[in-house]
C-alpha cells in the first residue's frame, strides 16, 4: 500500500483531487483516531481536517518519509495537535490571568460601587464610554485608545474629560 500511496501522492502533486480523495478515504479514520487520543474529541475532527488540508497544500514537499505517506500524514497531525494544545494553553493562561485580575478588582471595589459605576457608564454616550473604559479602566494611553477607536487624539482626550465629569455628576461626587 505504501507504493500505492506514494503514487497517489505523486498524482496529488500534479493536482489530482481524485487521488487526494482516495488518500483521505484510506487514512482519515486512522488519523482521526490518533488525534482523538491526543485532544478533546470535539476538536479531533477539526484537527484531522486541518491535517488533510495541510497535506494537500504541502504535497510538493513530501520527500518519501521512511514510514511512507501514512507516517507523513501522522506527523502533520501530530504538529497540528501540538499547535492546538499550545493555543489552548495560551488561552487558558490568559483567561486565568484575567480571572485573577477581575478577582482583585472585585476585592478592591465593593460590589455596590461596581454596580453603581456600571450603571453610570451605561448612561454615557458609547464613544465616551469606550474612551473611559480604555483609558481609565484598561490602562490605555490616550494615543492607544485613539488608535483602537479610530478617533483623533483630541477627541479621545475630550471624551475622557467630559465622560469623567459626567460620571462624577451621575455618581454624586464632587470634582
N, C-alpha and C. Protein backbone atom coordinates (compact mmCIF):
# COMPACT_ATOMS: atom_id res chain seq x y z
N UNK A 1 0.82 -1.20 0.00
CA UNK A 1 0.00 0.00 0.00
C UNK A 1 0.86 1.26 0.00
N UNK A 2 2.08 1.19 0.60
CA UNK A 2 2.94 2.37 0.65
C UNK A 2 3.31 2.86 -0.75
N UNK A 3 3.61 1.90 -1.66
CA UNK A 3 3.95 2.30 -3.02
C UNK A 3 2.74 2.94 -3.69
N UNK A 4 1.58 2.33 -3.43
CA UNK A 4 0.34 2.86 -3.99
C UNK A 4 0.05 4.26 -3.45
N UNK A 5 0.27 4.47 -2.13
CA UNK A 5 0.08 5.78 -1.54
C UNK A 5 1.05 6.80 -2.13
N UNK A 6 2.28 6.38 -2.36
CA UNK A 6 3.26 7.28 -2.95
C UNK A 6 2.85 7.67 -4.36
N UNK A 7 2.29 6.72 -5.10
CA UNK A 7 1.81 7.03 -6.45
C UNK A 7 0.62 7.99 -6.38
N UNK A 8 -0.25 7.77 -5.41
CA UNK A 8 -1.39 8.69 -5.24
C UNK A 8 -0.90 10.09 -4.89
N UNK A 9 0.09 10.17 -4.00
CA UNK A 9 0.61 11.48 -3.62
C UNK A 9 1.28 12.17 -4.80
N UNK A 10 1.93 11.40 -5.64
CA UNK A 10 2.53 11.99 -6.85
C UNK A 10 1.42 12.58 -7.73
N UNK A 11 0.29 11.88 -7.81
CA UNK A 11 -0.84 12.41 -8.58
C UNK A 11 -1.42 13.65 -7.91
N UNK A 12 -1.42 13.66 -6.58
CA UNK A 12 -1.91 14.84 -5.84
C UNK A 12 -1.02 16.03 -6.15
N UNK A 13 0.30 15.81 -6.20
CA UNK A 13 1.22 16.90 -6.54
C UNK A 13 0.92 17.46 -7.92
N UNK A 14 0.40 16.62 -8.80
CA UNK A 14 0.01 17.07 -10.14
C UNK A 14 -1.38 17.68 -10.16
N UNK A 15 -2.02 17.75 -8.99
CA UNK A 15 -3.31 18.42 -8.89
C UNK A 15 -4.53 17.51 -8.93
N UNK A 16 -4.36 16.21 -8.76
CA UNK A 16 -5.48 15.28 -8.83
C UNK A 16 -6.28 15.26 -7.54
N UNK A 17 -7.48 15.79 -7.60
CA UNK A 17 -8.37 15.77 -6.44
C UNK A 17 -8.86 14.35 -6.17
N UNK A 18 -9.03 13.57 -7.23
CA UNK A 18 -9.49 12.19 -7.06
C UNK A 18 -8.45 11.37 -6.27
N UNK A 19 -7.19 11.53 -6.60
CA UNK A 19 -6.14 10.82 -5.87
C UNK A 19 -6.11 11.26 -4.40
N UNK A 20 -6.32 12.54 -4.18
CA UNK A 20 -6.32 13.04 -2.80
C UNK A 20 -7.51 12.47 -2.04
N UNK A 21 -8.67 12.40 -2.67
CA UNK A 21 -9.84 11.81 -2.01
C UNK A 21 -9.58 10.36 -1.64
N UNK A 22 -8.87 9.64 -2.49
CA UNK A 22 -8.53 8.25 -2.20
C UNK A 22 -7.61 8.18 -0.97
N UNK A 23 -6.63 9.08 -0.90
CA UNK A 23 -5.75 9.13 0.29
C UNK A 23 -6.56 9.43 1.55
N UNK A 24 -7.47 10.35 1.43
CA UNK A 24 -8.31 10.69 2.59
C UNK A 24 -9.11 9.47 3.01
N UNK A 25 -9.75 8.80 2.05
CA UNK A 25 -10.55 7.63 2.38
C UNK A 25 -9.72 6.56 3.08
N UNK A 26 -8.49 6.38 2.65
CA UNK A 26 -7.62 5.35 3.23
C UNK A 26 -7.16 5.68 4.64
N UNK A 27 -6.86 6.94 4.90
CA UNK A 27 -6.16 7.28 6.14
C UNK A 27 -6.95 8.15 7.12
N UNK A 28 -8.11 8.60 6.72
CA UNK A 28 -8.87 9.53 7.56
C UNK A 28 -9.23 8.93 8.92
N UNK A 29 -9.72 7.71 8.95
CA UNK A 29 -10.13 7.12 10.22
C UNK A 29 -8.94 6.95 11.17
N UNK A 30 -7.82 6.50 10.63
CA UNK A 30 -6.63 6.29 11.47
C UNK A 30 -6.11 7.62 12.00
N UNK A 31 -6.09 8.64 11.17
CA UNK A 31 -5.63 9.96 11.62
C UNK A 31 -6.57 10.50 12.69
N UNK A 32 -7.87 10.38 12.47
CA UNK A 32 -8.84 10.85 13.47
C UNK A 32 -8.67 10.11 14.79
N UNK A 33 -8.51 8.79 14.73
CA UNK A 33 -8.35 8.01 15.95
C UNK A 33 -7.09 8.45 16.71
N UNK A 34 -6.02 8.69 15.98
CA UNK A 34 -4.78 9.17 16.60
C UNK A 34 -5.00 10.51 17.28
N UNK A 35 -5.63 11.43 16.57
CA UNK A 35 -5.83 12.77 17.11
C UNK A 35 -6.80 12.75 18.28
N UNK A 36 -7.82 11.90 18.23
CA UNK A 36 -8.78 11.80 19.34
C UNK A 36 -8.09 11.38 20.63
N UNK A 37 -7.06 10.59 20.50
CA UNK A 37 -6.33 10.15 21.70
C UNK A 37 -5.44 11.26 22.26
N UNK A 38 -5.18 12.27 21.46
CA UNK A 38 -4.31 13.37 21.89
C UNK A 38 -5.08 14.59 22.37
N UNK A 39 -6.29 14.79 21.86
CA UNK A 39 -7.02 16.02 22.13
C UNK A 39 -8.44 15.69 22.59
N UNK A 40 -9.20 16.72 22.78
CA UNK A 40 -10.61 16.54 23.11
C UNK A 40 -11.32 16.00 21.87
N UNK A 41 -12.24 15.07 22.04
CA UNK A 41 -12.94 14.51 20.88
C UNK A 41 -13.61 15.58 20.02
N UNK A 42 -14.10 16.64 20.64
CA UNK A 42 -14.76 17.70 19.88
C UNK A 42 -13.80 18.40 18.93
N UNK A 43 -12.51 18.41 19.26
CA UNK A 43 -11.51 19.09 18.44
C UNK A 43 -10.84 18.16 17.42
N UNK A 44 -10.97 16.87 17.64
CA UNK A 44 -10.25 15.91 16.81
C UNK A 44 -10.64 16.00 15.34
N UNK A 45 -11.91 16.14 15.06
CA UNK A 45 -12.33 16.21 13.65
C UNK A 45 -11.76 17.45 12.97
N UNK A 46 -11.75 18.57 13.67
CA UNK A 46 -11.19 19.79 13.09
C UNK A 46 -9.69 19.63 12.82
N UNK A 47 -8.99 19.04 13.77
CA UNK A 47 -7.55 18.86 13.60
C UNK A 47 -7.27 17.88 12.46
N UNK A 48 -8.07 16.82 12.38
CA UNK A 48 -7.89 15.87 11.27
C UNK A 48 -8.13 16.56 9.93
N UNK A 49 -9.15 17.40 9.89
CA UNK A 49 -9.43 18.13 8.65
C UNK A 49 -8.28 19.08 8.31
N UNK A 50 -7.75 19.76 9.32
CA UNK A 50 -6.60 20.64 9.09
C UNK A 50 -5.40 19.84 8.62
N UNK A 51 -5.27 18.62 9.12
CA UNK A 51 -4.17 17.75 8.70
C UNK A 51 -4.24 17.48 7.20
N UNK A 52 -5.41 17.12 6.73
CA UNK A 52 -5.54 16.81 5.30
C UNK A 52 -5.45 18.05 4.43
N UNK A 53 -5.91 19.17 4.94
CA UNK A 53 -5.74 20.42 4.21
C UNK A 53 -4.25 20.74 4.07
N UNK A 54 -3.51 20.58 5.17
CA UNK A 54 -2.06 20.83 5.13
C UNK A 54 -1.38 19.84 4.18
N UNK A 55 -1.83 18.60 4.19
CA UNK A 55 -1.25 17.60 3.28
C UNK A 55 -1.47 18.01 1.83
N UNK A 56 -2.64 18.49 1.53
CA UNK A 56 -2.92 18.96 0.16
C UNK A 56 -1.99 20.12 -0.20
N UNK A 57 -1.83 21.06 0.73
CA UNK A 57 -1.01 22.24 0.47
C UNK A 57 0.49 21.89 0.41
N UNK A 58 0.90 20.87 1.17
CA UNK A 58 2.31 20.53 1.27
C UNK A 58 2.70 19.30 0.45
N UNK A 59 1.82 18.84 -0.39
CA UNK A 59 2.09 17.62 -1.16
C UNK A 59 3.41 17.71 -1.91
N UNK A 60 3.75 18.87 -2.39
CA UNK A 60 5.00 19.05 -3.12
C UNK A 60 6.24 18.90 -2.26
N UNK A 61 6.09 19.03 -0.94
CA UNK A 61 7.24 18.94 -0.05
C UNK A 61 7.51 17.51 0.41
N UNK A 62 6.64 16.58 0.10
CA UNK A 62 6.84 15.19 0.52
C UNK A 62 8.06 14.62 -0.19
N UNK A 63 8.96 14.05 0.60
CA UNK A 63 10.21 13.54 0.03
C UNK A 63 10.36 12.04 0.30
N UNK A 64 9.28 11.37 0.52
CA UNK A 64 9.36 9.93 0.76
C UNK A 64 9.81 9.59 2.16
N UNK A 65 9.00 9.92 3.14
CA UNK A 65 9.32 9.63 4.54
C UNK A 65 9.56 8.13 4.72
N UNK A 66 10.39 7.77 5.70
CA UNK A 66 10.76 6.37 5.89
C UNK A 66 9.54 5.50 6.18
N UNK A 67 8.53 6.04 6.80
CA UNK A 67 7.32 5.28 7.09
C UNK A 67 6.27 5.41 6.02
N UNK A 68 6.56 6.11 4.97
CA UNK A 68 5.60 6.28 3.89
C UNK A 68 4.65 7.44 4.10
N UNK A 69 3.65 7.47 3.24
CA UNK A 69 2.68 8.57 3.26
C UNK A 69 1.90 8.58 4.57
N UNK A 70 1.57 7.41 5.08
CA UNK A 70 0.82 7.32 6.33
C UNK A 70 1.60 8.00 7.46
N UNK A 71 2.89 7.73 7.57
CA UNK A 71 3.72 8.36 8.60
C UNK A 71 3.78 9.86 8.40
N UNK A 72 3.88 10.29 7.17
CA UNK A 72 3.91 11.71 6.84
C UNK A 72 2.61 12.39 7.31
N UNK A 73 1.47 11.72 7.05
CA UNK A 73 0.18 12.28 7.48
C UNK A 73 0.10 12.34 9.01
N UNK A 74 0.58 11.30 9.68
CA UNK A 74 0.55 11.29 11.14
C UNK A 74 1.48 12.36 11.71
N UNK A 75 2.59 12.62 11.05
CA UNK A 75 3.50 13.68 11.51
C UNK A 75 2.82 15.04 11.39
N UNK A 76 2.08 15.25 10.30
CA UNK A 76 1.33 16.51 10.15
C UNK A 76 0.28 16.61 11.24
N UNK A 77 -0.45 15.51 11.49
CA UNK A 77 -1.48 15.50 12.53
C UNK A 77 -0.87 15.80 13.90
N UNK A 78 0.31 15.24 14.18
CA UNK A 78 1.00 15.49 15.45
C UNK A 78 1.32 16.97 15.61
N UNK A 79 1.85 17.58 14.56
CA UNK A 79 2.18 19.02 14.63
C UNK A 79 0.91 19.85 14.83
N UNK A 80 -0.16 19.50 14.14
CA UNK A 80 -1.42 20.24 14.29
C UNK A 80 -1.97 20.08 15.70
N UNK A 81 -1.89 18.88 16.26
CA UNK A 81 -2.38 18.65 17.62
C UNK A 81 -1.55 19.43 18.63
N UNK A 82 -0.21 19.45 18.44
CA UNK A 82 0.65 20.23 19.34
C UNK A 82 0.33 21.71 19.24
N UNK A 83 0.13 22.21 18.02
CA UNK A 83 -0.22 23.63 17.84
C UNK A 83 -1.53 23.95 18.55
N UNK A 84 -2.51 23.06 18.41
CA UNK A 84 -3.80 23.26 19.06
C UNK A 84 -3.64 23.26 20.58
N UNK A 85 -2.82 22.35 21.09
CA UNK A 85 -2.59 22.29 22.54
C UNK A 85 -1.93 23.57 23.04
N UNK A 86 -0.91 24.06 22.31
CA UNK A 86 -0.25 25.30 22.71
C UNK A 86 -1.23 26.47 22.69
N UNK A 87 -2.07 26.52 21.66
CA UNK A 87 -3.05 27.61 21.55
C UNK A 87 -4.03 27.56 22.72
N UNK A 88 -4.50 26.36 23.05
CA UNK A 88 -5.44 26.22 24.18
C UNK A 88 -4.77 26.58 25.50
N UNK A 89 -3.52 26.20 25.66
CA UNK A 89 -2.80 26.53 26.89
C UNK A 89 -2.64 28.04 27.02
N UNK A 90 -2.29 28.73 25.92
CA UNK A 90 -2.16 30.19 25.97
C UNK A 90 -3.50 30.82 26.33
N UNK A 91 -4.59 30.33 25.75
CA UNK A 91 -5.91 30.86 26.08
C UNK A 91 -6.23 30.63 27.55
N UNK A 92 -5.94 29.43 28.03
CA UNK A 92 -6.20 29.11 29.42
C UNK A 92 -5.41 30.03 30.34
N UNK A 93 -4.13 30.23 30.02
CA UNK A 93 -3.28 31.10 30.84
C UNK A 93 -3.79 32.53 30.83
N UNK A 94 -4.19 33.02 29.64
CA UNK A 94 -4.71 34.38 29.54
C UNK A 94 -6.02 34.51 30.32
N UNK A 95 -6.89 33.50 30.21
CA UNK A 95 -8.16 33.54 30.95
C UNK A 95 -7.92 33.50 32.45
N UNK A 96 -6.95 32.70 32.88
CA UNK A 96 -6.63 32.63 34.31
C UNK A 96 -6.12 33.97 34.81
N UNK A 97 -5.26 34.62 34.01
CA UNK A 97 -4.76 35.93 34.41
C UNK A 97 -5.90 36.94 34.49
N UNK A 98 -6.84 36.85 33.54
CA UNK A 98 -7.99 37.75 33.58
C UNK A 98 -8.84 37.48 34.82
N UNK A 99 -9.08 36.22 35.12
CA UNK A 99 -9.89 35.89 36.30
C UNK A 99 -9.21 36.41 37.57
N UNK A 100 -7.88 36.26 37.65
CA UNK A 100 -7.16 36.75 38.82
C UNK A 100 -7.28 38.27 38.93
N UNK A 101 -7.12 38.96 37.81
CA UNK A 101 -7.23 40.42 37.81
C UNK A 101 -8.65 40.85 38.17
N UNK A 102 -9.64 40.17 37.61
CA UNK A 102 -11.03 40.51 37.91
C UNK A 102 -11.33 40.27 39.38
N UNK A 103 -10.78 39.19 39.94
CA UNK A 103 -10.99 38.90 41.36
C UNK A 103 -10.36 39.99 42.22
N UNK A 104 -9.17 40.46 41.85
CA UNK A 104 -8.53 41.54 42.59
C UNK A 104 -9.36 42.81 42.50
N UNK A 105 -9.90 43.09 41.31
CA UNK A 105 -10.74 44.27 41.14
C UNK A 105 -11.98 44.18 42.01
N UNK A 106 -12.57 42.98 42.10
CA UNK A 106 -13.78 42.82 42.92
C UNK A 106 -13.45 43.01 44.40
N UNK A 107 -12.26 42.55 44.81
CA UNK A 107 -11.87 42.74 46.21
C UNK A 107 -11.59 44.21 46.50
N UNK A 108 -11.05 44.92 45.52
CA UNK A 108 -10.68 46.32 45.72
C UNK A 108 -11.90 47.24 45.70
N UNK A 109 -12.95 46.85 44.98
CA UNK A 109 -14.13 47.69 44.85
C UNK A 109 -15.33 46.94 45.41
N UNK A 110 -15.99 47.51 46.41
CA UNK A 110 -17.19 46.86 46.92
C UNK A 110 -18.20 46.65 45.78
N UNK A 111 -18.96 45.59 45.87
CA UNK A 111 -19.90 45.24 44.80
C UNK A 111 -20.85 46.38 44.48
N UNK A 112 -21.34 47.09 45.49
CA UNK A 112 -22.29 48.18 45.25
C UNK A 112 -21.66 49.29 44.41
N UNK A 113 -20.39 49.59 44.71
CA UNK A 113 -19.69 50.62 43.93
C UNK A 113 -19.53 50.18 42.48
N UNK A 114 -19.22 48.91 42.29
CA UNK A 114 -19.06 48.39 40.93
C UNK A 114 -20.36 48.45 40.15
N UNK A 115 -21.46 48.12 40.81
CA UNK A 115 -22.78 48.17 40.15
C UNK A 115 -23.14 49.61 39.81
N UNK A 116 -22.90 50.52 40.75
CA UNK A 116 -23.20 51.93 40.50
C UNK A 116 -22.36 52.45 39.34
N UNK A 117 -21.10 52.07 39.28
CA UNK A 117 -20.24 52.52 38.19
C UNK A 117 -20.72 51.96 36.86
N UNK A 118 -21.10 50.68 36.82
CA UNK A 118 -21.61 50.08 35.58
C UNK A 118 -22.86 50.80 35.11
N UNK A 119 -23.75 51.12 36.03
CA UNK A 119 -24.98 51.83 35.67
C UNK A 119 -24.66 53.24 35.17
N UNK A 120 -23.71 53.90 35.82
CA UNK A 120 -23.33 55.25 35.39
C UNK A 120 -22.68 55.21 34.01
N UNK A 121 -21.83 54.23 33.78
CA UNK A 121 -21.21 54.10 32.46
C UNK A 121 -22.26 53.89 31.37
N UNK A 122 -23.29 53.14 31.70
CA UNK A 122 -24.34 52.86 30.71
C UNK A 122 -25.06 54.13 30.28
N UNK A 123 -25.01 55.18 31.10
CA UNK A 123 -25.67 56.44 30.75
C UNK A 123 -24.83 57.32 29.83
N UNK A 124 -23.56 57.01 29.68
CA UNK A 124 -22.69 57.80 28.81
C UNK A 124 -22.90 57.42 27.35
N UNK A 125 -22.67 58.36 26.44
CA UNK A 125 -22.68 58.01 25.02
C UNK A 125 -21.60 56.95 24.76
N UNK A 126 -21.82 56.10 23.79
CA UNK A 126 -20.94 54.96 23.54
C UNK A 126 -19.49 55.37 23.29
N UNK A 127 -19.24 56.48 22.58
CA UNK A 127 -17.87 56.92 22.33
C UNK A 127 -17.17 57.31 23.63
N UNK A 128 -17.87 58.07 24.48
CA UNK A 128 -17.29 58.46 25.77
C UNK A 128 -17.06 57.23 26.64
N UNK A 129 -18.02 56.32 26.64
CA UNK A 129 -17.90 55.11 27.45
C UNK A 129 -16.67 54.31 27.01
N UNK A 130 -16.49 54.15 25.70
CA UNK A 130 -15.35 53.38 25.20
C UNK A 130 -14.04 54.06 25.58
N UNK A 131 -13.96 55.38 25.45
CA UNK A 131 -12.74 56.10 25.80
C UNK A 131 -12.44 55.97 27.29
N UNK A 132 -13.46 56.09 28.13
CA UNK A 132 -13.30 55.96 29.58
C UNK A 132 -12.83 54.55 29.93
N UNK A 133 -13.49 53.55 29.37
CA UNK A 133 -13.16 52.17 29.70
C UNK A 133 -11.73 51.84 29.28
N UNK A 134 -11.33 52.29 28.09
CA UNK A 134 -9.97 52.01 27.63
C UNK A 134 -8.93 52.76 28.46
N UNK A 135 -9.13 54.07 28.63
CA UNK A 135 -8.10 54.88 29.28
C UNK A 135 -8.07 54.72 30.80
N UNK A 136 -9.22 54.69 31.42
CA UNK A 136 -9.25 54.63 32.88
C UNK A 136 -9.40 53.22 33.41
N UNK A 137 -10.05 52.37 32.65
CA UNK A 137 -10.28 51.01 33.11
C UNK A 137 -9.22 50.02 32.66
N UNK A 138 -8.76 50.15 31.42
CA UNK A 138 -7.83 49.17 30.87
C UNK A 138 -6.39 49.67 30.81
N UNK A 139 -6.16 50.92 31.20
CA UNK A 139 -4.80 51.44 31.27
C UNK A 139 -4.19 51.84 29.93
N UNK A 140 -5.03 52.06 28.91
CA UNK A 140 -4.52 52.51 27.62
C UNK A 140 -4.13 53.97 27.71
N UNK A 141 -3.13 54.39 26.95
CA UNK A 141 -2.84 55.81 26.84
C UNK A 141 -3.90 56.41 25.93
N UNK A 142 -3.99 57.74 25.92
CA UNK A 142 -4.95 58.39 25.04
C UNK A 142 -4.65 58.05 23.58
N UNK A 143 -3.36 58.02 23.24
CA UNK A 143 -2.96 57.70 21.87
C UNK A 143 -3.37 56.28 21.49
N UNK A 144 -3.14 55.33 22.39
CA UNK A 144 -3.53 53.94 22.12
C UNK A 144 -5.03 53.82 21.95
N UNK A 145 -5.78 54.51 22.81
CA UNK A 145 -7.24 54.47 22.70
C UNK A 145 -7.71 55.09 21.39
N UNK A 146 -7.04 56.16 20.98
CA UNK A 146 -7.40 56.80 19.70
C UNK A 146 -7.20 55.83 18.55
N UNK A 147 -6.12 55.06 18.60
CA UNK A 147 -5.87 54.07 17.54
C UNK A 147 -6.91 52.97 17.56
N UNK A 148 -7.25 52.48 18.75
CA UNK A 148 -8.24 51.42 18.87
C UNK A 148 -9.60 51.89 18.36
N UNK A 149 -9.98 53.09 18.76
CA UNK A 149 -11.32 53.60 18.42
C UNK A 149 -11.39 54.25 17.04
N UNK A 150 -10.23 54.51 16.45
CA UNK A 150 -10.22 55.16 15.14
C UNK A 150 -10.68 56.61 15.22
N UNK A 151 -10.35 57.26 16.32
CA UNK A 151 -10.73 58.65 16.54
C UNK A 151 -9.48 59.51 16.67
N UNK A 152 -9.60 60.81 16.40
CA UNK A 152 -8.46 61.70 16.62
C UNK A 152 -8.10 61.75 18.11
N UNK A 153 -6.81 61.98 18.37
CA UNK A 153 -6.32 62.03 19.75
C UNK A 153 -7.08 63.06 20.58
N UNK A 154 -7.29 64.24 20.04
CA UNK A 154 -8.00 65.29 20.77
C UNK A 154 -9.42 64.88 21.13
N UNK A 155 -10.07 64.14 20.25
CA UNK A 155 -11.44 63.68 20.52
C UNK A 155 -11.45 62.70 21.68
N UNK A 156 -10.47 61.81 21.72
CA UNK A 156 -10.40 60.85 22.82
C UNK A 156 -10.16 61.58 24.13
N UNK A 157 -9.23 62.53 24.13
CA UNK A 157 -8.97 63.30 25.35
C UNK A 157 -10.24 64.01 25.82
N UNK A 158 -10.96 64.58 24.87
CA UNK A 158 -12.20 65.27 25.18
C UNK A 158 -13.23 64.31 25.75
N UNK A 159 -13.35 63.12 25.12
CA UNK A 159 -14.31 62.12 25.62
C UNK A 159 -13.98 61.70 27.04
N UNK A 160 -12.70 61.52 27.33
CA UNK A 160 -12.30 61.10 28.67
C UNK A 160 -12.62 62.20 29.68
N UNK A 161 -12.27 63.43 29.34
CA UNK A 161 -12.52 64.55 30.25
C UNK A 161 -14.01 64.73 30.51
N UNK A 162 -14.79 64.80 29.44
CA UNK A 162 -16.24 65.00 29.59
C UNK A 162 -16.90 63.79 30.23
N UNK A 163 -16.47 62.60 29.85
CA UNK A 163 -17.05 61.39 30.43
C UNK A 163 -16.77 61.29 31.92
N UNK A 164 -15.56 61.64 32.32
CA UNK A 164 -15.21 61.62 33.74
C UNK A 164 -16.08 62.61 34.52
N UNK A 165 -16.28 63.81 33.94
CA UNK A 165 -17.13 64.81 34.60
C UNK A 165 -18.56 64.32 34.72
N UNK A 166 -19.08 63.71 33.66
CA UNK A 166 -20.46 63.18 33.71
C UNK A 166 -20.57 62.06 34.73
N UNK A 167 -19.57 61.19 34.80
CA UNK A 167 -19.61 60.11 35.78
C UNK A 167 -19.63 60.64 37.20
N UNK A 168 -18.79 61.65 37.45
CA UNK A 168 -18.79 62.26 38.78
C UNK A 168 -20.17 62.81 39.13
N UNK A 169 -20.78 63.47 38.15
CA UNK A 169 -22.11 64.03 38.38
C UNK A 169 -23.14 62.94 38.63
N UNK A 170 -23.10 61.88 37.84
CA UNK A 170 -24.05 60.78 37.99
C UNK A 170 -23.84 60.09 39.33
N UNK A 171 -22.61 59.90 39.73
CA UNK A 171 -22.30 59.20 40.98
C UNK A 171 -22.37 60.11 42.20
N UNK A 172 -22.60 61.40 41.97
CA UNK A 172 -22.76 62.35 43.08
C UNK A 172 -21.46 62.73 43.74
N UNK A 173 -20.35 62.67 43.00
CA UNK A 173 -19.06 63.05 43.57
C UNK A 173 -18.75 64.48 43.20
N UNK A 174 -17.95 65.13 44.05
CA UNK A 174 -17.50 66.49 43.77
C UNK A 174 -16.20 66.43 42.98
N UNK A 175 -16.01 67.36 42.02
CA UNK A 175 -14.78 67.37 41.23
C UNK A 175 -13.55 67.64 42.04
